[in-house]
PDB file of N, CA and C in Angstrom:
ATOM      1  N   ARG A   1     -76.763 -53.064  -6.563  1.00  0.00           N
ATOM      2  CA  ARG A   1     -76.507 -51.654  -6.310  1.00  0.00           C
ATOM      3  C   ARG A   1     -77.388 -50.774  -7.189  1.00  0.00           C
ATOM      4  N   SER A   2     -77.674 -51.214  -8.348  1.00  0.00           N
ATOM      5  CA  SER A   2     -78.499 -50.439  -9.259  1.00  0.00           C
ATOM      6  C   SER A   2     -79.890 -50.178  -8.675  1.00  0.00           C
ATOM      7  N   SER A   3     -80.477 -51.182  -8.033  1.00  0.00           N
ATOM      8  CA  SER A   3     -81.806 -51.011  -7.431  1.00  0.00           C
ATOM      9  C   SER A   3     -81.777 -49.986  -6.309  1.00  0.00           C
ATOM     10  N   LEU A   4     -80.712 -50.012  -5.519  1.00  0.00           N
ATOM     11  CA  LEU A   4     -80.571 -49.051  -4.429  1.00  0.00           C
ATOM     12  C   LEU A   4     -80.457 -47.636  -4.977  1.00  0.00           C
ATOM     13  N   GLU A   5     -79.679 -47.473  -6.032  1.00  0.00           N
ATOM     14  CA  GLU A   5     -79.523 -46.152  -6.638  1.00  0.00           C
ATOM     15  C   GLU A   5     -80.854 -45.650  -7.201  1.00  0.00           C
ATOM     16  N   LYS A   6     -81.624 -46.552  -7.816  1.00  0.00           N
ATOM     17  CA  LYS A   6     -82.933 -46.162  -8.357  1.00  0.00           C
ATOM     18  C   LYS A   6     -83.886 -45.749  -7.232  1.00  0.00           C
ATOM     19  N   ALA A   7     -83.884 -46.518  -6.151  1.00  0.00           N
ATOM     20  CA  ALA A   7     -84.754 -46.194  -5.014  1.00  0.00           C
ATOM     21  C   ALA A   7     -84.363 -44.856  -4.397  1.00  0.00           C
ATOM     22  N   LEU A   8     -83.067 -44.618  -4.270  1.00  0.00           N
ATOM     23  CA  LEU A   8     -82.597 -43.347  -3.718  1.00  0.00           C
ATOM     24  C   LEU A   8     -83.024 -42.188  -4.607  1.00  0.00           C
ATOM     25  N   LYS A   9     -82.885 -42.354  -5.917  1.00  0.00           N
ATOM     26  CA  LYS A   9     -83.290 -41.295  -6.843  1.00  0.00           C
ATOM     27  C   LYS A   9     -84.794 -41.023  -6.737  1.00  0.00           C
ATOM     28  N   LEU A  10     -85.596 -42.080  -6.659  1.00  0.00           N
ATOM     29  CA  LEU A  10     -87.046 -41.894  -6.524  1.00  0.00           C
ATOM     30  C   LEU A  10     -87.390 -41.163  -5.233  1.00  0.00           C
ATOM     31  N   THR A  11     -86.662 -41.478  -4.169  1.00  0.00           N
ATOM     32  CA  THR A  11     -86.893 -40.806  -2.892  1.00  0.00           C
ATOM     33  C   THR A  11     -86.497 -39.339  -2.979  1.00  0.00           C
ATOM     34  N   LEU A  12     -85.327 -39.077  -3.537  1.00  0.00           N
ATOM     35  CA  LEU A  12     -84.857 -37.695  -3.649  1.00  0.00           C
ATOM     36  C   LEU A  12     -85.740 -36.865  -4.575  1.00  0.00           C
ATOM     37  N   ASP A  13     -86.294 -37.511  -5.610  1.00  0.00           N
ATOM     38  CA  ASP A  13     -87.195 -36.818  -6.537  1.00  0.00           C
ATOM     39  C   ASP A  13     -88.624 -36.733  -6.004  1.00  0.00           C
ATOM     40  N   LYS A  14     -88.830 -37.244  -4.785  1.00  0.00           N
ATOM     41  CA  LYS A  14     -90.114 -37.191  -4.075  1.00  0.00           C
ATOM     42  C   LYS A  14     -91.222 -38.006  -4.738  1.00  0.00           C
ATOM     43  N   TYR A  15     -90.825 -39.069  -5.472  1.00  0.00           N
ATOM     44  CA  TYR A  15     -91.814 -40.017  -5.975  1.00  0.00           C
ATOM     45  C   TYR A  15     -92.179 -41.010  -4.881  1.00  0.00           C
ATOM     46  N   ILE A  16     -91.250 -41.221  -3.955  1.00  0.00           N
ATOM     47  CA  ILE A  16     -91.469 -42.098  -2.812  1.00  0.00           C
ATOM     48  C   ILE A  16     -91.338 -41.241  -1.561  1.00  0.00           C
ATOM     49  N   LYS A  17     -92.303 -41.352  -0.664  1.00  0.00           N
ATOM     50  CA  LYS A  17     -92.249 -40.585   0.577  1.00  0.00           C
ATOM     51  C   LYS A  17     -92.110 -41.552   1.750  1.00  0.00           C
ATOM     52  N   THR A  18     -91.124 -41.315   2.576  1.00  0.00           N
ATOM     53  CA  THR A  18     -90.925 -42.128   3.766  1.00  0.00           C
ATOM     54  C   THR A  18     -91.814 -41.594   4.875  1.00  0.00           C
ATOM     55  N   ILE A  19     -92.604 -42.478   5.452  1.00  0.00           N
ATOM     56  CA  ILE A  19     -93.499 -42.093   6.539  1.00  0.00           C
ATOM     57  C   ILE A  19     -92.857 -42.501   7.856  1.00  0.00           C
ATOM     58  N   ILE A  20     -92.614 -41.533   8.712  1.00  0.00           N
ATOM     59  CA  ILE A  20     -92.042 -41.799  10.031  1.00  0.00           C
ATOM     60  C   ILE A  20     -93.180 -41.780  11.040  1.00  0.00           C
ATOM     61  N   ASP A  21     -93.367 -42.910  11.689  1.00  0.00           N
ATOM     62  CA  ASP A  21     -94.443 -43.040  12.664  1.00  0.00           C
ATOM     63  C   ASP A  21     -94.060 -42.414  13.992  1.00  0.00           C
ATOM     64  N   LYS A  22     -92.896 -42.784  14.505  1.00  0.00           N
ATOM     65  CA  LYS A  22     -92.518 -42.319  15.837  1.00  0.00           C
ATOM     66  C   LYS A  22     -91.005 -42.344  15.979  1.00  0.00           C
ATOM     67  N   LYS A  23     -90.489 -41.410  16.776  1.00  0.00           N
ATOM     68  CA  LYS A  23     -89.060 -41.348  17.089  1.00  0.00           C
ATOM     69  C   LYS A  23     -88.865 -41.621  18.569  1.00  0.00           C
ATOM     70  N   PHE A  24     -87.877 -42.455  18.875  1.00  0.00           N
ATOM     71  CA  PHE A  24     -87.544 -42.783  20.254  1.00  0.00           C
ATOM     72  C   PHE A  24     -86.089 -42.429  20.513  1.00  0.00           C
ATOM     73  N   PRO A  25     -85.767 -41.940  21.711  1.00  0.00           N
ATOM     74  CA  PRO A  25     -84.357 -41.772  22.066  1.00  0.00           C
ATOM     75  C   PRO A  25     -83.752 -43.157  22.318  1.00  0.00           C
ATOM     76  N   LEU A  26     -82.444 -43.250  22.215  1.00  0.00           N
ATOM     77  CA  LEU A  26     -81.749 -44.521  22.413  1.00  0.00           C
ATOM     78  C   LEU A  26     -82.089 -45.138  23.760  1.00  0.00           C
ATOM     79  N   SER A  27     -82.301 -44.303  24.754  1.00  0.00           N
ATOM     80  CA  SER A  27     -82.617 -44.803  26.097  1.00  0.00           C
ATOM     81  C   SER A  27     -83.977 -45.507  26.159  1.00  0.00           C
ATOM     82  N   GLU A  28     -84.812 -45.327  25.137  1.00  0.00           N
ATOM     83  CA  GLU A  28     -86.133 -45.963  25.101  1.00  0.00           C
ATOM     84  C   GLU A  28     -86.228 -47.028  24.006  1.00  0.00           C
ATOM     85  N   THR A  29     -85.101 -47.685  23.739  1.00  0.00           N
ATOM     86  CA  THR A  29     -85.070 -48.711  22.697  1.00  0.00           C
ATOM     87  C   THR A  29     -86.057 -49.836  22.978  1.00  0.00           C
ATOM     88  N   ALA A  30     -86.166 -50.249  24.238  1.00  0.00           N
ATOM     89  CA  ALA A  30     -87.111 -51.318  24.591  1.00  0.00           C
ATOM     90  C   ALA A  30     -88.543 -50.906  24.257  1.00  0.00           C
ATOM     91  N   ALA A  31     -88.892 -49.665  24.526  1.00  0.00           N
ATOM     92  CA  ALA A  31     -90.237 -49.170  24.208  1.00  0.00           C
ATOM     93  C   ALA A  31     -90.455 -49.151  22.695  1.00  0.00           C
ATOM     94  N   ALA A  32     -89.417 -48.818  21.951  1.00  0.00           N
ATOM     95  CA  ALA A  32     -89.518 -48.817  20.488  1.00  0.00           C
ATOM     96  C   ALA A  32     -89.792 -50.226  19.974  1.00  0.00           C
ATOM     97  N   HIS A  33     -89.092 -51.206  20.536  1.00  0.00           N
ATOM     98  CA  HIS A  33     -89.311 -52.595  20.125  1.00  0.00           C
ATOM     99  C   HIS A  33     -90.726 -53.053  20.476  1.00  0.00           C
ATOM    100  N   LYS A  34     -91.216 -52.678  21.635  1.00  0.00           N
ATOM    101  CA  LYS A  34     -92.588 -53.042  22.014  1.00  0.00           C
ATOM    102  C   LYS A  34     -93.594 -52.397  21.067  1.00  0.00           C
ATOM    103  N   HIS A  35     -93.325 -51.157  20.694  1.00  0.00           N
ATOM    104  CA  HIS A  35     -94.196 -50.438  19.759  1.00  0.00           C
ATOM    105  C   HIS A  35     -94.304 -51.221  18.444  1.00  0.00           C
ATOM    106  N   ILE A  36     -93.163 -51.725  17.973  1.00  0.00           N
ATOM    107  CA  ILE A  36     -93.141 -52.503  16.731  1.00  0.00           C
ATOM    108  C   ILE A  36     -93.800 -53.871  16.936  1.00  0.00           C
ATOM    109  N   GLU A  37     -93.446 -54.555  18.023  1.00  0.00           N
ATOM    110  CA  GLU A  37     -93.995 -55.889  18.294  1.00  0.00           C
ATOM    111  C   GLU A  37     -95.515 -55.865  18.430  1.00  0.00           C
ATOM    112  N   ASN A  38     -96.046 -54.788  18.972  1.00  0.00           N
ATOM    113  CA  ASN A  38     -97.496 -54.652  19.134  1.00  0.00           C
ATOM    114  C   ASN A  38     -98.190 -54.220  17.848  1.00  0.00           C
ATOM    115  N   ARG A  39     -97.395 -54.078  16.806  1.00  0.00           N
ATOM    116  CA  ARG A  39     -97.904 -53.645  15.493  1.00  0.00           C
ATOM    117  C   ARG A  39     -98.654 -52.326  15.595  1.00  0.00           C
ATOM    118  N   ALA A  40     -98.134 -51.454  16.430  1.00  0.00           N
ATOM    119  CA  ALA A  40     -98.768 -50.159  16.662  1.00  0.00           C
ATOM    120  C   ALA A  40     -98.301 -49.096  15.674  1.00  0.00           C
ATOM    121  N   GLN A  41     -97.255 -49.409  14.906  1.00  0.00           N
ATOM    122  CA  GLN A  41     -96.695 -48.384  14.036  1.00  0.00           C
ATOM    123  C   GLN A  41     -97.361 -48.366  12.672  1.00  0.00           C
ATOM    124  N   PHE A  42     -97.357 -47.183  12.081  1.00  0.00           N
ATOM    125  CA  PHE A  42     -97.752 -47.005  10.693  1.00  0.00           C
ATOM    126  C   PHE A  42     -96.627 -46.206  10.064  1.00  0.00           C
ATOM    127  N   GLY A  43     -95.656 -46.875   9.538  1.00  0.00           N
ATOM    128  CA  GLY A  43     -94.481 -46.220   8.991  1.00  0.00           C
ATOM    129  C   GLY A  43     -93.247 -46.674   9.733  1.00  0.00           C
ATOM    130  N   LYS A  44     -92.208 -45.909   9.608  1.00  0.00           N
ATOM    131  CA  LYS A  44     -90.917 -46.255  10.196  1.00  0.00           C
ATOM    132  C   LYS A  44     -90.830 -45.800  11.644  1.00  0.00           C
ATOM    133  N   VAL A  45     -90.103 -46.580  12.422  1.00  0.00           N
ATOM    134  CA  VAL A  45     -89.805 -46.232  13.808  1.00  0.00           C
ATOM    135  C   VAL A  45     -88.323 -45.898  13.856  1.00  0.00           C
ATOM    136  N   ILE A  46     -88.004 -44.723  14.356  1.00  0.00           N
ATOM    137  CA  ILE A  46     -86.630 -44.228  14.398  1.00  0.00           C
ATOM    138  C   ILE A  46     -86.124 -44.259  15.832  1.00  0.00           C
ATOM    139  N   ILE A  47     -84.894 -44.758  15.999  1.00  0.00           N
ATOM    140  CA  ILE A  47     -84.229 -44.711  17.303  1.00  0.00           C
ATOM    141  C   ILE A  47     -83.036 -43.779  17.144  1.00  0.00           C
ATOM    142  N   ASN A  48     -83.087 -42.654  17.852  1.00  0.00           N
ATOM    143  CA  ASN A  48     -82.022 -41.648  17.769  1.00  0.00           C
ATOM    144  C   ASN A  48     -80.947 -41.914  18.811  1.00  0.00           C
ATOM    145  N   PRO A  49     -79.684 -41.824  18.392  1.00  0.00           N
ATOM    146  CA  PRO A  49     -78.592 -41.998  19.374  1.00  0.00           C
ATOM    147  C   PRO A  49     -78.485 -40.816  20.315  1.00  0.00           C
TER     148      PRO A  49
END
């Protein structure tokens, strides 16, 4: 738990920046998986409910 708290603090203090590559709606989950499988992403892929 300590490591998670440290990572969260670094993120909140903006020492770590999360890069979001692409957002997909839940209805396009299959496309999101293909995007990841094809190694097309640079950063995180988000699936919104």
